[in-house]
Protein backbone atom coordinates (compact mmCIF):
# COMPACT_ATOMS: atom_id res chain seq x y z
CA MET A 1 -20.83 11.58 -35.98
CA LEU A 2 -19.55 11.89 -32.46
CA THR A 3 -22.45 10.44 -30.91
CA VAL A 4 -21.66 7.06 -32.61
CA LEU A 5 -17.47 8.10 -31.76
CA GLY A 6 -17.88 8.75 -28.24
CA GLY A 7 -19.82 4.62 -28.43
CA LEU A 8 -16.64 3.79 -29.35
CA ALA A 9 -14.75 4.98 -26.43
CA GLU A 10 -16.83 4.64 -24.01
CA PHE A 11 -17.35 0.76 -24.96
CA GLU A 12 -13.41 0.37 -25.56
CA ARG A 13 -13.06 1.84 -22.52
CA GLU A 14 -15.23 -0.68 -20.84
CA LEU A 15 -12.70 -3.49 -22.60
CA ILE A 16 -10.46 -2.42 -20.82
CA ARG A 17 -10.77 -1.73 -17.50
CA VAL A 18 -12.49 -5.50 -18.04
CA ARG A 19 -9.28 -7.15 -19.43
CA THR A 20 -7.01 -5.19 -15.82
CA GLY A 21 -9.28 -5.73 -13.64
CA GLU A 22 -8.85 -9.88 -14.72
CA GLY A 23 -5.40 -9.64 -15.28
CA ARG A 24 -5.11 -7.88 -11.92
CA ARG A 25 -7.24 -10.74 -10.05
CA ARG A 26 -5.14 -13.90 -11.68
CA ALA A 27 -1.74 -12.04 -10.68
CA VAL A 28 -3.44 -11.68 -6.79
CA GLU A 29 -4.54 -15.61 -7.17
CA ALA A 30 -0.29 -16.64 -8.57
CA GLY A 31 0.71 -14.14 -5.21
CA VAL A 32 1.66 -11.07 -6.01
CA LYS A 33 2.56 -8.57 -3.84
CA LEU A 34 0.19 -5.17 -5.73
CA GLY A 35 1.47 -1.87 -4.30
CA ARG A 36 3.92 -0.09 -3.21
CA ARG A 37 6.86 -2.62 -1.21
CA SER A 38 7.17 -0.55 1.90
CA SER A 39 10.15 1.85 3.04
CA LEU A 40 10.97 -0.32 5.79
CA THR A 41 11.39 -4.51 5.94
CA THR A 42 9.42 -6.34 7.77
CA TYR A 43 12.19 -5.83 10.90
CA GLN A 44 13.00 -2.73 11.39
CA GLN A 45 9.45 -2.45 11.21
CA ALA A 46 9.00 -4.39 14.15
CA GLU A 47 12.13 -2.48 16.08
CA VAL A 48 10.34 -0.13 15.76
CA PHE A 49 7.37 -1.00 17.85
CA LYS A 50 10.23 -1.79 20.66
CA ARG A 51 11.24 1.21 20.17
CA ARG A 52 8.06 3.14 20.73
CA ALA A 53 7.38 0.98 23.02
CA GLY A 54 10.92 1.54 25.27
CA GLY A 55 9.67 5.42 25.23
CA GLU A 56 11.16 7.36 21.54
CA THR A 57 9.06 9.66 20.16
CA LEU A 58 7.46 9.22 16.46
CA LYS A 59 10.14 12.25 15.04
CA ALA A 60 13.63 10.78 16.38
CA LEU A 61 11.89 7.38 14.96
CA ALA A 62 10.89 9.27 11.47
CA ARG A 63 14.36 10.49 12.07
CA SER A 64 16.94 7.17 12.97
CA TYR A 65 15.28 6.08 9.61
CA GLY A 66 15.00 8.52 6.85
CA VAL A 67 11.34 8.26 6.47
CA THR A 68 8.78 10.70 7.75
CA HIS A 69 5.69 10.96 10.50
CA PRO A 70 3.09 9.55 8.59
CA THR A 71 4.95 6.20 7.85
CA ILE A 72 6.37 5.11 11.31
CA VAL A 73 2.49 5.88 12.85
CA ARG A 74 1.72 3.27 9.73
CA ALA A 75 4.26 0.80 11.23
CA LEU A 76 2.86 1.61 14.08
CA ARG A 77 -0.09 0.71 13.26
CA LYS A 78 0.30 -2.48 10.52
CA ASN A 79 2.17 -4.25 14.61
CA GLU A 80 -0.57 -3.27 16.75
CA ALA A 81 -2.44 -6.26 18.69
CA PRO A 82 -5.54 -7.39 17.31
CA ILE A 83 -7.98 -6.03 20.03
CA GLN A 84 -9.98 -8.56 22.38
């Protein structure tokens, strides 16, 4: 009996996974951005890049925007020019 119930649970889980994946795919096709929003706006990220190029420390930048050090590092990586 437990084997049958386990098999049914496994089957149901696979159906849920397929439906969820299909929903996510349709959302992306419709232009929905998935994931968490950035702590910094696009303008702030560009400003961080300019201020860092001007010589400000990561810690000072993080403190001025009220975010953590890794957030500043991610913003800098996002605004890097592609290496050619």
